[in-house]
PDB file of N, CA and C in Angstrom:
ATOM      1  N   UNK A   1     107.742 -81.582 115.519  1.00  0.00           N
ATOM      2  CA  UNK A   1     106.652 -81.341 114.589  1.00  0.00           C
ATOM      3  C   UNK A   1     105.733 -82.556 114.485  1.00  0.00           C
ATOM      4  N   UNK A   2     106.146 -83.684 114.979  1.00  0.00           N
ATOM      5  CA  UNK A   2     105.322 -84.887 114.890  1.00  0.00           C
ATOM      6  C   UNK A   2     104.020 -84.725 115.656  1.00  0.00           C
ATOM      7  N   UNK A   3     104.036 -83.966 116.726  1.00  0.00           N
ATOM      8  CA  UNK A   3     102.831 -83.777 117.532  1.00  0.00           C
ATOM      9  C   UNK A   3     101.680 -83.229 116.703  1.00  0.00           C
ATOM     10  N   UNK A   4     101.986 -82.359 115.741  1.00  0.00           N
ATOM     11  CA  UNK A   4     100.920 -81.764 114.925  1.00  0.00           C
ATOM     12  C   UNK A   4     100.224 -82.810 114.061  1.00  0.00           C
ATOM     13  N   UNK A   5     100.940 -83.834 113.653  1.00  0.00           N
ATOM     14  CA  UNK A   5     100.322 -84.905 112.885  1.00  0.00           C
ATOM     15  C   UNK A   5      99.378 -85.762 113.708  1.00  0.00           C
ATOM     16  N   UNK A   6      99.601 -85.774 115.013  1.00  0.00           N
ATOM     17  CA  UNK A   6      98.792 -86.605 115.899  1.00  0.00           C
ATOM     18  C   UNK A   6      97.805 -85.811 116.745  1.00  0.00           C
ATOM     19  N   UNK A   7      97.748 -84.522 116.571  1.00  0.00           N
ATOM     20  CA  UNK A   7      96.906 -83.715 117.459  1.00  0.00           C
ATOM     21  C   UNK A   7      95.429 -84.071 117.313  1.00  0.00           C
ATOM     22  N   UNK A   8      94.963 -84.345 116.113  1.00  0.00           N
ATOM     23  CA  UNK A   8      93.551 -84.688 115.933  1.00  0.00           C
ATOM     24  C   UNK A   8      93.202 -86.017 116.592  1.00  0.00           C
ATOM     25  N   UNK A   9      93.983 -87.092 116.379  1.00  0.00           N
ATOM     26  CA  UNK A   9      93.645 -88.341 117.070  1.00  0.00           C
ATOM     27  C   UNK A   9      93.750 -88.243 118.594  1.00  0.00           C
ATOM     28  N   UNK A  10      94.742 -87.518 119.084  1.00  0.00           N
ATOM     29  CA  UNK A  10      94.889 -87.379 120.534  1.00  0.00           C
ATOM     30  C   UNK A  10      93.756 -86.528 121.097  1.00  0.00           C
ATOM     31  N   UNK A  11      93.332 -85.518 120.358  1.00  0.00           N
ATOM     32  CA  UNK A  11      92.193 -84.711 120.805  1.00  0.00           C
ATOM     33  C   UNK A  11      90.927 -85.558 120.873  1.00  0.00           C
ATOM     34  N   UNK A  12      90.792 -86.508 119.968  1.00  0.00           N
ATOM     35  CA  UNK A  12      89.642 -87.422 120.018  1.00  0.00           C
ATOM     36  C   UNK A  12      89.718 -88.297 121.269  1.00  0.00           C
ATOM     37  N   UNK A  13      90.911 -88.748 121.616  1.00  0.00           N
ATOM     38  CA  UNK A  13      91.098 -89.531 122.848  1.00  0.00           C
ATOM     39  C   UNK A  13      90.758 -88.675 124.061  1.00  0.00           C
ATOM     40  N   UNK A  14      91.082 -87.394 123.999  1.00  0.00           N
ATOM     41  CA  UNK A  14      90.813 -86.483 125.118  1.00  0.00           C
ATOM     42  C   UNK A  14      89.327 -86.205 125.290  1.00  0.00           C
ATOM     43  N   UNK A  15      88.528 -86.534 124.277  1.00  0.00           N
ATOM     44  CA  UNK A  15      87.092 -86.355 124.417  1.00  0.00           C
ATOM     45  C   UNK A  15      86.486 -85.320 123.501  1.00  0.00           C
ATOM     46  N   UNK A  16      87.277 -84.755 122.616  1.00  0.00           N
ATOM     47  CA  UNK A  16      86.736 -83.788 121.672  1.00  0.00           C
ATOM     48  C   UNK A  16      86.040 -84.527 120.529  1.00  0.00           C
ATOM     49  N   UNK A  17      84.914 -84.015 120.101  1.00  0.00           N
ATOM     50  CA  UNK A  17      84.186 -84.622 118.992  1.00  0.00           C
ATOM     51  C   UNK A  17      84.831 -84.211 117.672  1.00  0.00           C
ATOM     52  N   UNK A  18      84.379 -84.829 116.594  1.00  0.00           N
ATOM     53  CA  UNK A  18      84.913 -84.492 115.270  1.00  0.00           C
ATOM     54  C   UNK A  18      84.631 -83.031 114.935  1.00  0.00           C
ATOM     55  N   UNK A  19      83.487 -82.530 115.361  1.00  0.00           N
ATOM     56  CA  UNK A  19      83.152 -81.125 115.111  1.00  0.00           C
ATOM     57  C   UNK A  19      84.031 -80.173 115.921  1.00  0.00           C
ATOM     58  N   UNK A  20      84.498 -80.619 117.077  1.00  0.00           N
ATOM     59  CA  UNK A  20      85.355 -79.784 117.921  1.00  0.00           C
ATOM     60  C   UNK A  20      86.782 -79.677 117.393  1.00  0.00           C
ATOM     61  N   UNK A  21      87.197 -80.610 116.548  1.00  0.00           N
ATOM     62  CA  UNK A  21      88.582 -80.622 116.083  1.00  0.00           C
ATOM     63  C   UNK A  21      88.953 -79.351 115.324  1.00  0.00           C
ATOM     64  N   UNK A  22      87.983 -78.766 114.628  1.00  0.00           N
ATOM     65  CA  UNK A  22      88.266 -77.517 113.929  1.00  0.00           C
ATOM     66  C   UNK A  22      88.708 -76.444 114.908  1.00  0.00           C
ATOM     67  N   UNK A  23      88.004 -76.327 116.016  1.00  0.00           N
ATOM     68  CA  UNK A  23      88.347 -75.301 117.008  1.00  0.00           C
ATOM     69  C   UNK A  23      89.637 -75.619 117.733  1.00  0.00           C
ATOM     70  N   UNK A  24      89.898 -76.890 117.946  1.00  0.00           N
ATOM     71  CA  UNK A  24      91.171 -77.271 118.558  1.00  0.00           C
ATOM     72  C   UNK A  24      92.319 -76.840 117.646  1.00  0.00           C
ATOM     73  N   UNK A  25      92.182 -77.096 116.358  1.00  0.00           N
ATOM     74  CA  UNK A  25      93.233 -76.719 115.416  1.00  0.00           C
ATOM     75  C   UNK A  25      93.347 -75.206 115.249  1.00  0.00           C
ATOM     76  N   UNK A  26      92.231 -74.494 115.365  1.00  0.00           N
ATOM     77  CA  UNK A  26      92.286 -73.025 115.323  1.00  0.00           C
ATOM     78  C   UNK A  26      93.053 -72.499 116.532  1.00  0.00           C
ATOM     79  N   UNK A  27      92.786 -73.054 117.686  1.00  0.00           N
ATOM     80  CA  UNK A  27      93.489 -72.637 118.903  1.00  0.00           C
ATOM     81  C   UNK A  27      94.981 -72.913 118.767  1.00  0.00           C
ATOM     82  N   UNK A  28      95.323 -74.074 118.241  1.00  0.00           N
ATOM     83  CA  UNK A  28      96.740 -74.397 118.038  1.00  0.00           C
ATOM     84  C   UNK A  28      97.360 -73.447 117.014  1.00  0.00           C
ATOM     85  N   UNK A  29      96.622 -73.075 115.996  1.00  0.00           N
ATOM     86  CA  UNK A  29      97.130 -72.120 115.007  1.00  0.00           C
ATOM     87  C   UNK A  29      97.375 -70.749 115.586  1.00  0.00           C
ATOM     88  N   UNK A  30      96.497 -70.308 116.460  1.00  0.00           N
ATOM     89  CA  UNK A  30      96.683 -69.006 117.112  1.00  0.00           C
ATOM     90  C   UNK A  30      97.933 -69.027 117.984  1.00  0.00           C
ATOM     91  N   UNK A  31      98.142 -70.107 118.690  1.00  0.00           N
ATOM     92  CA  UNK A  31      99.321 -70.139 119.553  1.00  0.00           C
ATOM     93  C   UNK A  31     100.605 -70.250 118.754  1.00  0.00           C
ATOM     94  N   UNK A  32     100.554 -70.744 117.534  1.00  0.00           N
ATOM     95  CA  UNK A  32     101.744 -70.733 116.689  1.00  0.00           C
ATOM     96  C   UNK A  32     102.149 -69.291 116.339  1.00  0.00           C
ATOM     97  N   UNK A  33     101.161 -68.460 116.094  1.00  0.00           N
ATOM     98  CA  UNK A  33     101.447 -67.043 115.813  1.00  0.00           C
ATOM     99  C   UNK A  33     102.030 -66.372 117.058  1.00  0.00           C
ATOM    100  N   UNK A  34     101.449 -66.663 118.198  1.00  0.00           N
ATOM    101  CA  UNK A  34     101.961 -66.096 119.454  1.00  0.00           C
ATOM    102  C   UNK A  34     103.390 -66.559 119.688  1.00  0.00           C
ATOM    103  N   UNK A  35     103.646 -67.853 119.497  1.00  0.00           N
ATOM    104  CA  UNK A  35     104.990 -68.395 119.695  1.00  0.00           C
ATOM    105  C   UNK A  35     106.002 -67.798 118.740  1.00  0.00           C
ATOM    106  N   UNK A  36     105.594 -67.582 117.502  1.00  0.00           N
ATOM    107  CA  UNK A  36     106.489 -66.977 116.525  1.00  0.00           C
ATOM    108  C   UNK A  36     106.894 -65.569 116.963  1.00  0.00           C
ATOM    109  N   UNK A  37     105.934 -64.816 117.449  1.00  0.00           N
ATOM    110  CA  UNK A  37     106.213 -63.458 117.915  1.00  0.00           C
ATOM    111  C   UNK A  37     107.127 -63.477 119.148  1.00  0.00           C
ATOM    112  N   UNK A  38     106.788 -64.319 120.115  1.00  0.00           N
ATOM    113  CA  UNK A  38     107.600 -64.393 121.337  1.00  0.00           C
ATOM    114  C   UNK A  38     109.007 -64.899 121.057  1.00  0.00           C
ATOM    115  N   UNK A  39     109.110 -65.900 120.210  1.00  0.00           N
ATOM    116  CA  UNK A  39     110.425 -66.455 119.893  1.00  0.00           C
ATOM    117  C   UNK A  39     111.325 -65.448 119.214  1.00  0.00           C
ATOM    118  N   UNK A  40     110.768 -64.686 118.292  1.00  0.00           N
ATOM    119  CA  UNK A  40     111.565 -63.660 117.626  1.00  0.00           C
ATOM    120  C   UNK A  40     112.025 -62.582 118.575  1.00  0.00           C
ATOM    121  N   UNK A  41     111.143 -62.165 119.442  1.00  0.00           N
ATOM    122  CA  UNK A  41     111.503 -61.104 120.395  1.00  0.00           C
ATOM    123  C   UNK A  41     112.544 -61.581 121.402  1.00  0.00           C
ATOM    124  N   UNK A  42     112.370 -62.793 121.907  1.00  0.00           N
ATOM    125  CA  UNK A  42     113.343 -63.276 122.890  1.00  0.00           C
ATOM    126  C   UNK A  42     114.687 -63.568 122.230  1.00  0.00           C
ATOM    127  N   UNK A  43     114.675 -64.019 120.984  1.00  0.00           N
ATOM    128  CA  UNK A  43     115.936 -64.255 120.280  1.00  0.00           C
ATOM    129  C   UNK A  43     116.668 -62.942 120.023  1.00  0.00           C
ATOM    130  N   UNK A  44     115.925 -61.892 119.728  1.00  0.00           N
ATOM    131  CA  UNK A  44     116.552 -60.587 119.540  1.00  0.00           C
ATOM    132  C   UNK A  44     117.114 -60.037 120.841  1.00  0.00           C
ATOM    133  N   UNK A  45     116.452 -60.329 121.935  1.00  0.00           N
ATOM    134  CA  UNK A  45     116.887 -59.830 123.237  1.00  0.00           C
ATOM    135  C   UNK A  45     118.104 -60.597 123.747  1.00  0.00           C
ATOM    136  N   UNK A  46     118.014 -61.936 123.744  1.00  0.00           N
ATOM    137  CA  UNK A  46     119.102 -62.760 124.272  1.00  0.00           C
ATOM    138  C   UNK A  46     119.072 -64.104 123.550  1.00  0.00           C
ATOM    139  N   UNK A  47     119.832 -64.224 122.494  1.00  0.00           N
ATOM    140  CA  UNK A  47     119.802 -65.422 121.664  1.00  0.00           C
ATOM    141  C   UNK A  47     120.254 -66.656 122.429  1.00  0.00           C
ATOM    142  N   UNK A  48     121.312 -66.543 123.187  1.00  0.00           N
ATOM    143  CA  UNK A  48     121.845 -67.704 123.911  1.00  0.00           C
ATOM    144  C   UNK A  48     120.806 -68.268 124.880  1.00  0.00           C
ATOM    145  N   UNK A  49     120.156 -67.409 125.623  1.00  0.00           N
ATOM    146  CA  UNK A  49     119.127 -67.847 126.564  1.00  0.00           C
ATOM    147  C   UNK A  49     117.920 -68.424 125.824  1.00  0.00           C
ATOM    148  N   UNK A  50     117.576 -67.820 124.720  1.00  0.00           N
ATOM    149  CA  UNK A  50     116.452 -68.296 123.914  1.00  0.00           C
ATOM    150  C   UNK A  50     116.719 -69.690 123.359  1.00  0.00           C
ATOM    151  N   UNK A  51     117.973 -69.956 122.984  1.00  0.00           N
ATOM    152  CA  UNK A  51     118.338 -71.268 122.450  1.00  0.00           C
ATOM    153  C   UNK A  51     118.267 -72.371 123.500  1.00  0.00           C
ATOM    154  N   UNK A  52     118.298 -72.005 124.740  1.00  0.00           N
ATOM    155  CA  UNK A  52     118.220 -72.984 125.828  1.00  0.00           C
ATOM    156  C   UNK A  52     116.791 -73.116 126.346  1.00  0.00           C
ATOM    157  N   UNK A  53     116.159 -71.995 126.610  1.00  0.00           N
ATOM    158  CA  UNK A  53     114.861 -72.025 127.292  1.00  0.00           C
ATOM    159  C   UNK A  53     113.713 -72.513 126.412  1.00  0.00           C
ATOM    160  N   UNK A  54     113.632 -72.073 125.156  1.00  0.00           N
ATOM    161  CA  UNK A  54     112.488 -72.481 124.331  1.00  0.00           C
ATOM    162  C   UNK A  54     112.485 -73.976 124.036  1.00  0.00           C
ATOM    163  N   UNK A  55     113.604 -74.582 123.650  1.00  0.00           N
ATOM    164  CA  UNK A  55     113.560 -76.034 123.452  1.00  0.00           C
ATOM    165  C   UNK A  55     113.264 -76.804 124.746  1.00  0.00           C
ATOM    166  N   UNK A  56     113.795 -76.333 125.869  1.00  0.00           N
ATOM    167  CA  UNK A  56     113.506 -76.992 127.149  1.00  0.00           C
ATOM    168  C   UNK A  56     112.020 -76.894 127.477  1.00  0.00           C
ATOM    169  N   UNK A  57     111.437 -75.724 127.246  1.00  0.00           N
ATOM    170  CA  UNK A  57     110.003 -75.550 127.498  1.00  0.00           C
ATOM    171  C   UNK A  57     109.178 -76.399 126.548  1.00  0.00           C
ATOM    172  N   UNK A  58     109.644 -76.544 125.311  1.00  0.00           N
ATOM    173  CA  UNK A  58     108.928 -77.373 124.339  1.00  0.00           C
ATOM    174  C   UNK A  58     108.933 -78.837 124.769  1.00  0.00           C
ATOM    175  N   UNK A  59     110.061 -79.327 125.214  1.00  0.00           N
ATOM    176  CA  UNK A  59     110.153 -80.716 125.669  1.00  0.00           C
ATOM    177  C   UNK A  59     109.262 -80.931 126.884  1.00  0.00           C
ATOM    178  N   UNK A  60     109.311 -80.014 127.834  1.00  0.00           N
ATOM    179  CA  UNK A  60     108.476 -80.140 129.034  1.00  0.00           C
ATOM    180  C   UNK A  60     106.994 -80.114 128.687  1.00  0.00           C
ATOM    181  N   UNK A  61     106.597 -79.237 127.775  1.00  0.00           N
ATOM    182  CA  UNK A  61     105.176 -79.149 127.423  1.00  0.00           C
ATOM    183  C   UNK A  61     104.713 -80.381 126.661  1.00  0.00           C
ATOM    184  N   UNK A  62     105.586 -80.978 125.866  1.00  0.00           N
ATOM    185  CA  UNK A  62     105.222 -82.204 125.160  1.00  0.00           C
ATOM    186  C   UNK A  62     105.055 -83.368 126.134  1.00  0.00           C
ATOM    187  N   UNK A  63     105.889 -83.430 127.134  1.00  0.00           N
ATOM    188  CA  UNK A  63     105.756 -84.460 128.165  1.00  0.00           C
ATOM    189  C   UNK A  63     104.443 -84.283 128.928  1.00  0.00           C
ATOM    190  N   UNK A  64     104.141 -83.045 129.289  1.00  0.00           N
ATOM    191  CA  UNK A  64     102.879 -82.763 129.981  1.00  0.00           C
ATOM    192  C   UNK A  64     101.693 -83.127 129.093  1.00  0.00           C
ATOM    193  N   UNK A  65     101.762 -82.784 127.808  1.00  0.00           N
ATOM    194  CA  UNK A  65     100.673 -83.118 126.882  1.00  0.00           C
ATOM    195  C   UNK A  65     100.448 -84.622 126.820  1.00  0.00           C
ATOM    196  N   UNK A  66     101.511 -85.390 126.889  1.00  0.00           N
ATOM    197  CA  UNK A  66     101.369 -86.848 126.898  1.00  0.00           C
ATOM    198  C   UNK A  66     100.671 -87.355 128.150  1.00  0.00           C
ATOM    199  N   UNK A  67     100.983 -86.760 129.280  1.00  0.00           N
ATOM    200  CA  UNK A  67     100.362 -87.195 130.534  1.00  0.00           C
ATOM    201  C   UNK A  67      98.899 -86.779 130.653  1.00  0.00           C
ATOM    202  N   UNK A  68      98.546 -85.643 130.091  1.00  0.00           N
ATOM    203  CA  UNK A  68      97.167 -85.165 130.232  1.00  0.00           C
ATOM    204  C   UNK A  68      96.311 -85.484 129.006  1.00  0.00           C
ATOM    205  N   UNK A  69      96.817 -86.302 128.102  1.00  0.00           N
ATOM    206  CA  UNK A  69      96.089 -86.627 126.869  1.00  0.00           C
ATOM    207  C   UNK A  69      94.683 -87.175 127.098  1.00  0.00           C
ATOM    208  N   UNK A  70      94.425 -87.949 128.132  1.00  0.00           N
ATOM    209  CA  UNK A  70      93.057 -88.450 128.307  1.00  0.00           C
ATOM    210  C   UNK A  70      92.059 -87.416 128.835  1.00  0.00           C
ATOM    211  N   UNK A  71      92.525 -86.243 129.185  1.00  0.00           N
ATOM    212  CA  UNK A  71      91.659 -85.240 129.793  1.00  0.00           C
ATOM    213  C   UNK A  71      91.454 -84.059 128.849  1.00  0.00           C
ATOM    214  N   UNK A  72      90.220 -83.680 128.645  1.00  0.00           N
ATOM    215  CA  UNK A  72      89.853 -82.718 127.608  1.00  0.00           C
ATOM    216  C   UNK A  72      90.531 -81.358 127.758  1.00  0.00           C
ATOM    217  N   UNK A  73      90.230 -80.642 128.804  1.00  0.00           N
ATOM    218  CA  UNK A  73      90.712 -79.264 128.936  1.00  0.00           C
ATOM    219  C   UNK A  73      92.184 -79.175 129.299  1.00  0.00           C
ATOM    220  N   UNK A  74      92.700 -80.055 130.144  1.00  0.00           N
ATOM    221  CA  UNK A  74      94.158 -80.017 130.358  1.00  0.00           C
ATOM    222  C   UNK A  74      94.947 -80.320 129.075  1.00  0.00           C
ATOM    223  N   UNK A  75      94.422 -81.217 128.240  1.00  0.00           N
ATOM    224  CA  UNK A  75      95.095 -81.489 126.971  1.00  0.00           C
ATOM    225  C   UNK A  75      95.102 -80.255 126.077  1.00  0.00           C
ATOM    226  N   UNK A  76      93.983 -79.556 126.028  1.00  0.00           N
ATOM    227  CA  UNK A  76      93.915 -78.350 125.197  1.00  0.00           C
ATOM    228  C   UNK A  76      94.905 -77.300 125.695  1.00  0.00           C
ATOM    229  N   UNK A  77      95.002 -77.146 126.994  1.00  0.00           N
ATOM    230  CA  UNK A  77      95.968 -76.189 127.557  1.00  0.00           C
ATOM    231  C   UNK A  77      97.399 -76.613 127.244  1.00  0.00           C
ATOM    232  N   UNK A  78      97.687 -77.905 127.375  1.00  0.00           N
ATOM    233  CA  UNK A  78      99.035 -78.394 127.077  1.00  0.00           C
ATOM    234  C   UNK A  78      99.357 -78.260 125.594  1.00  0.00           C
ATOM    235  N   UNK A  79      98.380 -78.504 124.734  1.00  0.00           N
ATOM    236  CA  UNK A  79      98.589 -78.339 123.292  1.00  0.00           C
ATOM    237  C   UNK A  79      98.855 -76.877 122.964  1.00  0.00           C
ATOM    238  N   UNK A  80      98.157 -75.984 123.645  1.00  0.00           N
ATOM    239  CA  UNK A  80      98.374 -74.548 123.450  1.00  0.00           C
ATOM    240  C   UNK A  80      99.798 -74.175 123.841  1.00  0.00           C
ATOM    241  N   UNK A  81     100.217 -74.606 124.997  1.00  0.00           N
ATOM    242  CA  UNK A  81     101.572 -74.278 125.467  1.00  0.00           C
ATOM    243  C   UNK A  81     102.614 -74.903 124.545  1.00  0.00           C
ATOM    244  N   UNK A  82     102.376 -76.129 124.102  1.00  0.00           N
ATOM    245  CA  UNK A  82     103.323 -76.763 123.185  1.00  0.00           C
ATOM    246  C   UNK A  82     103.416 -75.986 121.874  1.00  0.00           C
ATOM    247  N   UNK A  83     102.291 -75.528 121.369  1.00  0.00           N
ATOM    248  CA  UNK A  83     102.307 -74.749 120.134  1.00  0.00           C
ATOM    249  C   UNK A  83     103.117 -73.474 120.264  1.00  0.00           C
ATOM    250  N   UNK A  84     102.938 -72.782 121.378  1.00  0.00           N
ATOM    251  CA  UNK A  84     103.699 -71.548 121.616  1.00  0.00           C
ATOM    252  C   UNK A  84     105.192 -71.863 121.701  1.00  0.00           C
ATOM    253  N   UNK A  85     105.540 -72.843 122.501  1.00  0.00           N
ATOM    254  CA  UNK A  85     106.959 -73.126 122.719  1.00  0.00           C
ATOM    255  C   UNK A  85     107.625 -73.704 121.480  1.00  0.00           C
ATOM    256  N   UNK A  86     106.924 -74.545 120.745  1.00  0.00           N
ATOM    257  CA  UNK A  86     107.558 -75.143 119.569  1.00  0.00           C
ATOM    258  C   UNK A  86     107.787 -74.112 118.472  1.00  0.00           C
ATOM    259  N   UNK A  87     106.854 -73.229 118.275  1.00  0.00           N
ATOM    260  CA  UNK A  87     107.037 -72.205 117.256  1.00  0.00           C
ATOM    261  C   UNK A  87     108.059 -71.173 117.710  1.00  0.00           C
ATOM    262  N   UNK A  88     108.096 -70.877 118.979  1.00  0.00           N
ATOM    263  CA  UNK A  88     109.106 -69.937 119.503  1.00  0.00           C
ATOM    264  C   UNK A  88     110.501 -70.537 119.347  1.00  0.00           C
ATOM    265  N   UNK A  89     110.622 -71.831 119.518  1.00  0.00           N
ATOM    266  CA  UNK A  89     111.917 -72.478 119.397  1.00  0.00           C
ATOM    267  C   UNK A  89     112.404 -72.514 117.950  1.00  0.00           C
ATOM    268  N   UNK A  90     111.515 -72.386 117.009  1.00  0.00           N
ATOM    269  CA  UNK A  90     111.891 -72.453 115.589  1.00  0.00           C
ATOM    270  C   UNK A  90     112.214 -71.101 114.983  1.00  0.00           C
ATOM    271  N   UNK A  91     111.970 -70.012 115.677  1.00  0.00           N
ATOM    272  CA  UNK A  91     112.124 -68.704 115.063  1.00  0.00           C
ATOM    273  C   UNK A  91     113.560 -68.219 115.011  1.00  0.00           C
ATOM    274  N   UNK A  92     114.448 -68.787 115.761  1.00  0.00           N
ATOM    275  CA  UNK A  92     115.824 -68.293 115.729  1.00  0.00           C
ATOM    276  C   UNK A  92     116.505 -68.957 114.606  1.00  0.00           C
TER     277      UNK A  92
END
């Protein structure tokens, strides 16, 4: 959850303006809803697999987000994927 506290400063490093931060946070909010839905469905289907795959995907996406932080659009994509995976990992 620490990433959410730093998403605005990192987005600024990536090249987003202060006015763009609202849309970055909206995009991250949308992917939290998507992740919540996916996490619940996968946990209902196969809880054991969900307990392994979602946290692993969250860790991988956070690592990728760190590497692409200086780049605008790759950072936004990585933040989106991290939002989906982190919220999916929390639904079980």
